[in-house]
Amino acid sequence: MKKNVPVIVVLLLAFFNSGCGRKGQLQEPVPRVPQAVSDFRAVQQGQRLIFTWTAPVSYLSGAPLDLSSVEIRVMEIKGEGLSEKKASDSFMKYSRPLAERELGRLEAGLNRAVLWPEMEKVTGRSYLFGLRTKARKGGWSEISNLVSVRLEVLPLPPSGLRAEVKEYQISLSWEPPATGLDGQPLAGEVFYNLYRDEAGEFRLLNSQPLTRPRFEDLNFSFGLTYRYLVRSVVSRSGEYREGDDSEILEVRAVDVFPPAAPAEVRALSGVDGVTISWLPNPERDLAGYRVYRSKEGAGGEEPPVLLTPENLAVPVFLDRSVEKNTGYVYSICAVDNAGNESPAARVKVKT
C-alpha cells in the first residue's frame, strides 16, 4: 500500500496545477468599433438626394459610444447591376467616399446628409450607397445596409398654392407643373403630396398620392394659423419620387360662420310670464343663445331689447317682465364661440 502513495500525490498535484489561475475559456477581445447602421436610406427629392439614418450610440461591446465622423460611400452600378450578395462583397473594394466623387455639393451631419448633384452628370445613372461611422476612440464600423438610387429629372414644384377657409374644411388647390427641372414637357401622370406644418415639422396629410390638384383639410380648428406646402410626385420603377417644395402658404383659420337660426321656436303666455322654447342647435362651437324682445304698439314694433346679457346655455327662457294685454315679438339667436350670431328666429305672443 505504501508504494502507491507517491503516485496519488503526483496525480493530485497535476489536478490542482491544471486548474490554477484559469477562469474558463479564453475570449477574443471585442473590437472597439461602433455598431453598424441598419436603417440607412437615400431618397431623391427634386434636385436633392437626402440621406437619413439612426446614428449608433454604442460600441459592439455595448459600451457608450462617442461618435466622431460619418462616411457615405458610393459606387456606380452599370449594366444589369449587382446581386445583393455580390454588391455587399465588393462594395468596400470598389466604392469611394461620396465626398471625393465630385458628384455635387454635399452637406453631412451625424444622422442626415444632403447631396445637391450636378444633374447633367448623374441623370439616368444608378448608384449604390452605404455608410460607416467612426468613434473618437476606436475604428470604423462595418458598412451599413446598401441602398441603390437611379437619379431622374423630376417635375417642377406646383405653383399658385391657395386656400379657402370654409365652415367645416380648409379647401386647398394649386396649379400643376408643366415641365420638369430640365425645362422639357412632362411625360406621364403627375401626382401630389400635401404637407402641413405641425410643431415645426411638415407632415404628410394624404395617405396616398393625390391624383387631382386639390385637397380638403377637415382636421383643423378656428383661431389657429396653418402652413402648407405641396410637392409633385411621379412613379418611377414602381416607386414614387417627390419633387421640390412649393412655396409655403400660411392660412389663418378665422371663424366668420354664424350658427343656424334656432328651430321650432314657441312662446306661451302664463301666470308667471312668457315662456319661450326652441330646439337645441347642433353646432359643435355653440356658445349659447340670446333673446331679444320688441313691444308691439300703435306705430309698429319698438326697437328690440336684449333680455339676456349673458348667453343662455339651455334652449328655454322665462320672461317675467311683461305687461298684461300687450303684444310682444321675441327674436332668438344662436351664438358661437367666435361671437358670430345667427339669423333671428321670431315668434309673437299676446299676454
Protein backbone atom coordinates (compact mmCIF):
# COMPACT_ATOMS: atom_id res chain seq x y z
CA MET A 1 0.00 0.00 0.00
CA LYS A 2 2.78 2.48 0.79
CA LYS A 3 4.22 2.06 -2.73
CA ASN A 4 1.09 3.72 -4.20
CA VAL A 5 1.35 6.95 -2.14
CA PRO A 6 3.77 8.80 -4.47
CA VAL A 7 1.56 8.06 -7.49
CA ILE A 8 -1.53 9.51 -5.80
CA VAL A 9 0.37 12.64 -4.74
CA VAL A 10 1.60 13.22 -8.30
CA LEU A 11 -1.92 12.89 -9.70
CA LEU A 12 -3.33 15.34 -7.13
CA LEU A 13 -0.61 17.88 -7.89
CA ALA A 14 -1.27 17.58 -11.61
CA PHE A 15 -5.03 18.13 -10.99
CA PHE A 16 -4.58 21.28 -8.91
CA ASN A 17 -1.90 22.71 -11.22
CA SER A 18 -4.14 22.23 -14.24
CA GLY A 19 -6.89 24.46 -12.72
CA CYS A 20 -4.72 27.06 -11.03
CA GLY A 21 -5.37 30.62 -12.30
CA ARG A 22 -7.78 29.62 -15.09
CA LYS A 23 -11.36 31.07 -15.09
CA GLY A 24 -12.74 29.48 -18.23
CA GLN A 25 -12.09 29.59 -21.98
CA LEU A 26 -10.05 32.49 -23.29
CA GLN A 27 -12.25 35.12 -25.02
CA GLU A 28 -11.17 37.13 -28.05
CA PRO A 29 -11.33 40.90 -27.33
CA VAL A 30 -14.37 42.70 -28.81
CA PRO A 31 -13.20 45.22 -31.47
CA ARG A 32 -13.60 48.83 -30.32
CA VAL A 33 -15.83 49.86 -33.23
CA PRO A 34 -19.38 51.27 -33.38
CA GLN A 35 -22.46 49.21 -34.01
CA ALA A 36 -23.23 49.13 -37.75
CA VAL A 37 -26.08 51.31 -39.06
CA SER A 38 -29.01 49.17 -40.28
CA ASP A 39 -31.58 51.78 -41.40
CA PHE A 40 -29.61 53.82 -43.94
CA ARG A 41 -31.95 55.47 -46.51
CA ALA A 42 -31.41 57.56 -49.65
CA VAL A 43 -34.31 59.42 -51.28
CA GLN A 44 -34.27 61.78 -54.24
CA GLN A 45 -36.42 64.88 -53.72
CA GLY A 46 -36.32 67.30 -56.62
CA GLN A 47 -32.70 68.24 -57.19
CA ARG A 48 -31.58 66.86 -53.81
CA LEU A 49 -30.55 63.41 -52.67
CA ILE A 50 -31.39 63.11 -48.97
CA PHE A 51 -29.69 60.50 -46.76
CA THR A 52 -31.01 59.62 -43.30
CA TRP A 53 -30.07 57.04 -40.67
CA THR A 54 -30.08 56.41 -36.94
CA ALA A 55 -26.66 57.20 -35.51
CA PRO A 56 -25.22 54.37 -33.34
CA VAL A 57 -24.90 55.06 -29.61
CA SER A 58 -22.73 52.15 -28.53
CA TYR A 59 -19.71 50.04 -29.44
CA LEU A 60 -20.08 46.37 -30.41
CA SER A 61 -19.36 45.61 -26.76
CA GLY A 62 -22.37 47.66 -25.68
CA ALA A 63 -20.26 50.40 -24.09
CA PRO A 64 -21.42 54.01 -24.69
CA LEU A 65 -20.10 55.49 -27.93
CA ASP A 66 -18.68 58.95 -28.65
CA LEU A 67 -19.23 59.26 -32.41
CA SER A 68 -16.72 61.42 -34.29
CA SER A 69 -17.30 61.01 -38.03
CA VAL A 70 -19.56 59.52 -40.69
CA GLU A 71 -18.55 58.39 -44.17
CA ILE A 72 -21.02 57.82 -47.03
CA ARG A 73 -19.53 55.67 -49.77
CA VAL A 74 -20.77 55.28 -53.35
CA MET A 75 -20.20 53.15 -56.42
CA GLU A 76 -21.90 53.36 -59.79
CA ILE A 77 -23.98 50.38 -60.91
CA LYS A 78 -23.60 49.60 -64.60
CA GLY A 79 -25.18 47.05 -66.88
CA GLU A 80 -27.58 44.67 -65.20
CA GLY A 81 -26.49 45.74 -61.75
CA LEU A 82 -25.29 43.56 -58.90
CA SER A 83 -26.86 40.90 -56.77
CA GLU A 84 -27.26 41.83 -53.11
CA LYS A 85 -24.54 39.37 -52.02
CA LYS A 86 -22.11 40.38 -54.76
CA ALA A 87 -22.71 44.06 -54.03
CA SER A 88 -22.06 43.53 -50.34
CA ASP A 89 -18.89 41.56 -51.01
CA SER A 90 -17.43 44.07 -53.46
CA PHE A 91 -18.75 47.36 -52.13
CA MET A 92 -15.86 48.30 -49.85
CA LYS A 93 -13.39 47.32 -52.59
CA TYR A 94 -14.92 49.35 -55.41
CA SER A 95 -16.75 52.17 -53.63
CA ARG A 96 -15.26 55.54 -52.76
CA PRO A 97 -16.19 58.21 -50.24
CA LEU A 98 -19.01 60.32 -51.68
CA ALA A 99 -17.15 63.50 -50.73
CA GLU A 100 -14.37 62.51 -53.17
CA ARG A 101 -16.58 61.65 -56.16
CA GLU A 102 -17.36 65.26 -57.17
CA LEU A 103 -20.96 64.41 -57.99
CA GLY A 104 -22.19 67.64 -56.40
CA ARG A 105 -22.26 69.62 -53.19
CA LEU A 106 -22.53 67.52 -50.01
CA GLU A 107 -23.62 68.63 -46.55
CA ALA A 108 -23.34 65.90 -43.92
CA GLY A 109 -24.17 65.55 -40.23
CA LEU A 110 -24.19 62.67 -37.78
CA ASN A 111 -27.66 61.37 -38.79
CA ARG A 112 -28.56 63.23 -42.02
CA ALA A 113 -26.82 64.35 -45.20
CA VAL A 114 -27.92 66.15 -48.36
CA LEU A 115 -26.30 65.94 -51.79
CA TRP A 116 -27.06 68.54 -54.45
CA PRO A 117 -25.88 66.56 -57.50
CA GLU A 118 -24.88 68.09 -60.81
CA MET A 119 -27.88 66.69 -62.69
CA GLU A 120 -26.20 66.75 -66.10
CA LYS A 121 -23.60 64.32 -64.70
CA VAL A 122 -25.87 61.89 -62.88
CA THR A 123 -29.28 61.84 -64.62
CA GLY A 124 -30.20 58.33 -65.72
CA ARG A 125 -27.33 56.72 -63.80
CA SER A 126 -27.71 54.27 -60.91
CA TYR A 127 -25.61 54.40 -57.76
CA LEU A 128 -25.16 52.18 -54.73
CA PHE A 129 -24.65 53.91 -51.38
CA GLY A 130 -23.51 52.68 -47.99
CA LEU A 131 -22.44 54.30 -44.74
CA ARG A 132 -20.00 53.63 -41.92
CA THR A 133 -19.19 55.51 -38.73
CA LYS A 134 -16.12 56.04 -36.60
CA ALA A 135 -15.73 56.60 -32.86
CA ARG A 136 -13.37 59.14 -31.31
CA LYS A 137 -11.58 56.23 -29.70
CA GLY A 138 -11.67 53.23 -31.97
CA GLY A 139 -12.04 52.20 -35.59
CA TRP A 140 -14.62 52.23 -38.35
CA SER A 141 -17.86 50.27 -38.12
CA GLU A 142 -18.95 47.67 -40.64
CA ILE A 143 -20.72 49.08 -43.68
CA SER A 144 -24.47 49.71 -43.31
CA ASN A 145 -27.24 48.26 -45.39
CA LEU A 146 -26.77 49.29 -49.03
CA VAL A 147 -29.32 51.36 -50.98
CA SER A 148 -29.48 51.94 -54.72
CA VAL A 149 -30.82 55.07 -56.40
CA ARG A 150 -31.34 55.89 -60.08
CA LEU A 151 -31.33 59.66 -60.39
CA GLU A 152 -34.08 61.15 -62.54
CA VAL A 153 -35.25 64.51 -63.84
CA LEU A 154 -38.33 65.25 -61.70
CA PRO A 155 -41.17 67.76 -62.22
CA LEU A 156 -41.04 71.37 -61.12
CA PRO A 157 -42.96 72.15 -57.92
CA PRO A 158 -46.66 73.01 -58.23
CA SER A 159 -47.42 76.73 -58.24
CA GLY A 160 -50.20 79.03 -57.07
CA LEU A 161 -50.99 77.19 -53.83
CA ARG A 162 -54.13 78.80 -52.38
CA ALA A 163 -56.69 78.11 -49.67
CA GLU A 164 -60.29 78.94 -48.84
CA VAL A 165 -61.42 78.62 -45.22
CA LYS A 166 -64.90 77.16 -45.02
CA GLU A 167 -67.10 76.25 -42.11
CA TYR A 168 -66.04 72.61 -41.93
CA GLN A 169 -62.87 72.45 -44.03
CA ILE A 170 -59.93 74.31 -45.49
CA SER A 171 -60.04 73.82 -49.27
CA LEU A 172 -56.60 73.87 -50.90
CA SER A 173 -55.76 73.92 -54.60
CA TRP A 174 -52.75 74.56 -56.83
CA GLU A 175 -51.56 74.65 -60.45
CA PRO A 176 -49.89 71.51 -61.86
CA PRO A 177 -46.32 71.83 -63.19
CA ALA A 178 -45.95 71.96 -66.95
CA THR A 179 -42.31 70.88 -67.26
CA GLY A 180 -39.54 69.04 -65.48
CA LEU A 181 -36.49 70.55 -63.86
CA ASP A 182 -34.79 70.40 -67.27
CA GLY A 183 -37.49 72.56 -68.86
CA GLN A 184 -38.83 69.72 -71.02
CA PRO A 185 -42.55 68.78 -71.12
CA LEU A 186 -43.55 66.09 -68.65
CA ALA A 187 -44.20 62.55 -69.80
CA GLY A 188 -46.62 60.50 -67.72
CA GLU A 189 -49.04 61.30 -64.92
CA VAL A 190 -48.17 63.69 -62.11
CA PHE A 191 -49.44 63.12 -58.57
CA TYR A 192 -49.17 65.30 -55.46
CA ASN A 193 -48.31 65.16 -51.76
CA LEU A 194 -49.62 67.89 -49.47
CA TYR A 195 -47.88 68.73 -46.18
CA ARG A 196 -48.91 70.80 -43.14
CA ASP A 197 -46.59 72.23 -40.53
CA GLU A 198 -47.13 70.66 -37.10
CA ALA A 199 -44.86 71.75 -34.26
CA GLY A 200 -42.18 72.91 -36.67
CA GLU A 201 -42.22 69.79 -38.87
CA PHE A 202 -44.15 69.38 -42.13
CA ARG A 203 -46.24 66.20 -42.03
CA LEU A 204 -47.97 64.47 -44.93
CA LEU A 205 -51.77 64.95 -44.94
CA ASN A 206 -52.79 62.48 -47.66
CA SER A 207 -52.44 58.71 -47.19
CA GLN A 208 -51.87 58.13 -50.94
CA PRO A 209 -50.52 60.49 -53.62
CA LEU A 210 -53.29 62.78 -54.83
CA THR A 211 -54.48 62.41 -58.42
CA ARG A 212 -56.02 65.90 -58.57
CA PRO A 213 -54.55 69.31 -57.66
CA ARG A 214 -56.79 69.90 -54.65
CA PHE A 215 -57.38 68.69 -51.10
CA GLU A 216 -59.90 69.26 -48.30
CA ASP A 217 -58.30 69.59 -44.86
CA LEU A 218 -61.04 68.59 -42.40
CA ASN A 219 -58.87 68.34 -39.31
CA PHE A 220 -58.43 71.96 -38.25
CA SER A 221 -59.54 74.41 -35.56
CA PHE A 222 -60.63 78.00 -35.89
CA GLY A 223 -58.34 80.59 -34.37
CA LEU A 224 -55.12 78.81 -35.40
CA THR A 225 -52.66 79.56 -38.21
CA TYR A 226 -51.59 76.73 -40.54
CA ARG A 227 -48.71 76.46 -43.03
CA TYR A 228 -48.93 74.24 -46.11
CA LEU A 229 -46.68 73.13 -48.97
CA VAL A 230 -47.20 70.71 -51.85
CA ARG A 231 -44.81 68.54 -53.90
CA SER A 232 -45.15 66.96 -57.31
CA VAL A 233 -44.92 63.15 -57.36
CA VAL A 234 -44.17 60.76 -60.23
CA SER A 235 -43.97 56.99 -60.40
CA ARG A 236 -40.59 55.57 -61.41
CA SER A 237 -39.78 51.83 -61.46
CA GLY A 238 -42.68 51.01 -59.16
CA GLU A 239 -41.90 53.67 -56.54
CA TYR A 240 -42.95 57.28 -56.03
CA ARG A 241 -40.47 60.13 -56.37
CA GLU A 242 -41.15 63.61 -54.96
CA GLY A 243 -40.13 66.93 -56.43
CA ASP A 244 -39.05 70.04 -54.54
CA ASP A 245 -41.24 72.01 -52.13
CA SER A 246 -43.70 74.56 -53.46
CA GLU A 247 -43.88 77.96 -51.85
CA ILE A 248 -45.23 77.80 -48.30
CA LEU A 249 -48.79 79.08 -47.84
CA GLU A 250 -49.83 80.46 -44.44
CA VAL A 251 -53.54 80.29 -43.62
CA ARG A 252 -55.31 81.90 -40.65
CA ALA A 253 -58.47 79.93 -39.88
CA VAL A 254 -60.89 82.70 -38.89
CA ASP A 255 -64.43 81.74 -37.93
CA VAL A 256 -66.87 84.05 -39.70
CA PHE A 257 -69.61 81.46 -39.98
CA PRO A 258 -72.68 82.04 -37.79
CA PRO A 259 -74.74 79.16 -36.42
CA ALA A 260 -78.08 78.29 -37.96
CA ALA A 261 -81.16 80.09 -36.64
CA PRO A 262 -82.86 78.20 -33.78
CA ALA A 263 -85.66 75.95 -34.99
CA GLU A 264 -89.27 75.46 -33.84
CA VAL A 265 -89.44 78.48 -31.52
CA ARG A 266 -92.60 78.58 -29.40
CA ALA A 267 -93.95 81.17 -26.95
CA LEU A 268 -96.51 80.51 -24.22
CA SER A 269 -98.09 83.20 -22.04
CA GLY A 270 -98.85 82.14 -18.47
CA VAL A 271 -99.34 83.39 -14.94
CA ASP A 272 -95.58 83.78 -14.33
CA GLY A 273 -94.83 85.47 -17.67
CA VAL A 274 -93.97 84.34 -21.17
CA THR A 275 -92.03 81.10 -21.68
CA ILE A 276 -90.08 80.76 -24.92
CA SER A 277 -88.57 77.43 -26.01
CA TRP A 278 -86.83 76.03 -29.11
CA LEU A 279 -84.81 73.05 -30.32
CA PRO A 280 -81.10 72.87 -29.38
CA ASN A 281 -78.64 73.90 -32.08
CA PRO A 282 -76.25 71.15 -33.30
CA GLU A 283 -73.09 73.27 -33.82
CA ARG A 284 -70.00 71.99 -32.00
CA ASP A 285 -68.76 75.52 -31.25
CA LEU A 286 -72.08 76.79 -29.88
CA ALA A 287 -71.63 79.28 -27.04
CA GLY A 288 -75.33 79.78 -26.20
CA TYR A 289 -78.38 81.82 -27.10
CA ARG A 290 -79.56 85.44 -26.99
CA VAL A 291 -83.16 86.54 -26.55
CA TYR A 292 -84.41 89.90 -27.83
CA ARG A 293 -87.88 91.40 -27.24
CA SER A 294 -89.85 94.05 -29.08
CA LYS A 295 -93.16 95.53 -27.92
CA GLU A 296 -95.93 95.95 -30.46
CA GLY A 297 -97.50 99.38 -30.39
CA ALA A 298 -99.77 101.56 -32.47
CA GLY A 299 -96.81 102.65 -34.57
CA GLY A 300 -95.47 99.15 -35.09
CA GLU A 301 -92.71 97.30 -33.33
CA GLU A 302 -90.42 99.12 -30.96
CA PRO A 303 -86.62 98.57 -31.25
CA PRO A 304 -85.61 95.18 -29.84
CA VAL A 305 -84.11 94.96 -26.35
CA LEU A 306 -81.62 92.27 -25.31
CA LEU A 307 -83.08 90.33 -22.37
CA THR A 308 -80.06 88.03 -21.84
CA PRO A 309 -76.79 89.93 -21.22
CA GLU A 310 -75.24 86.52 -20.54
CA ASN A 311 -75.73 83.85 -23.18
CA LEU A 312 -78.27 81.20 -22.29
CA ALA A 313 -76.88 77.69 -22.02
CA VAL A 314 -80.28 75.99 -22.46
CA PRO A 315 -82.97 76.45 -25.14
CA VAL A 316 -85.65 77.91 -22.86
CA PHE A 317 -86.32 81.34 -21.35
CA LEU A 318 -88.95 82.74 -18.97
CA ASP A 319 -89.73 86.44 -19.39
CA ARG A 320 -91.30 87.67 -16.15
CA SER A 321 -91.15 91.39 -17.03
CA VAL A 322 -94.18 91.52 -19.30
CA GLU A 323 -97.31 93.66 -19.16
CA LYS A 324 -100.82 92.30 -19.47
CA ASN A 325 -102.78 92.73 -22.65
CA THR A 326 -99.67 93.56 -24.63
CA GLY A 327 -98.23 92.08 -27.82
CA TYR A 328 -94.58 91.09 -27.94
CA VAL A 329 -92.20 89.82 -30.61
CA TYR A 330 -89.32 87.64 -29.40
CA SER A 331 -86.19 87.07 -31.51
CA ILE A 332 -83.96 84.11 -30.60
CA CYS A 333 -80.37 83.97 -31.91
CA ALA A 334 -77.71 81.30 -31.51
CA VAL A 335 -74.13 82.45 -30.83
CA ASP A 336 -70.86 80.56 -31.39
CA ASN A 337 -67.53 80.79 -29.57
CA ALA A 338 -66.22 83.37 -32.05
CA GLY A 339 -69.17 85.67 -31.31
CA ASN A 340 -70.94 85.03 -34.61
CA GLU A 341 -74.70 85.46 -34.21
CA SER A 342 -77.24 83.51 -36.22
CA PRO A 343 -80.22 84.99 -38.04
CA ALA A 344 -83.09 85.58 -35.66
CA ALA A 345 -85.94 83.12 -35.23
CA ARG A 346 -89.02 85.23 -34.39
CA VAL A 347 -92.22 84.43 -32.53
CA LYS A 348 -95.17 86.62 -31.48
CA VAL A 349 -97.25 86.34 -28.34
CA LYS A 350 -100.16 88.26 -26.70
CA THR A 351 -100.21 88.38 -22.88
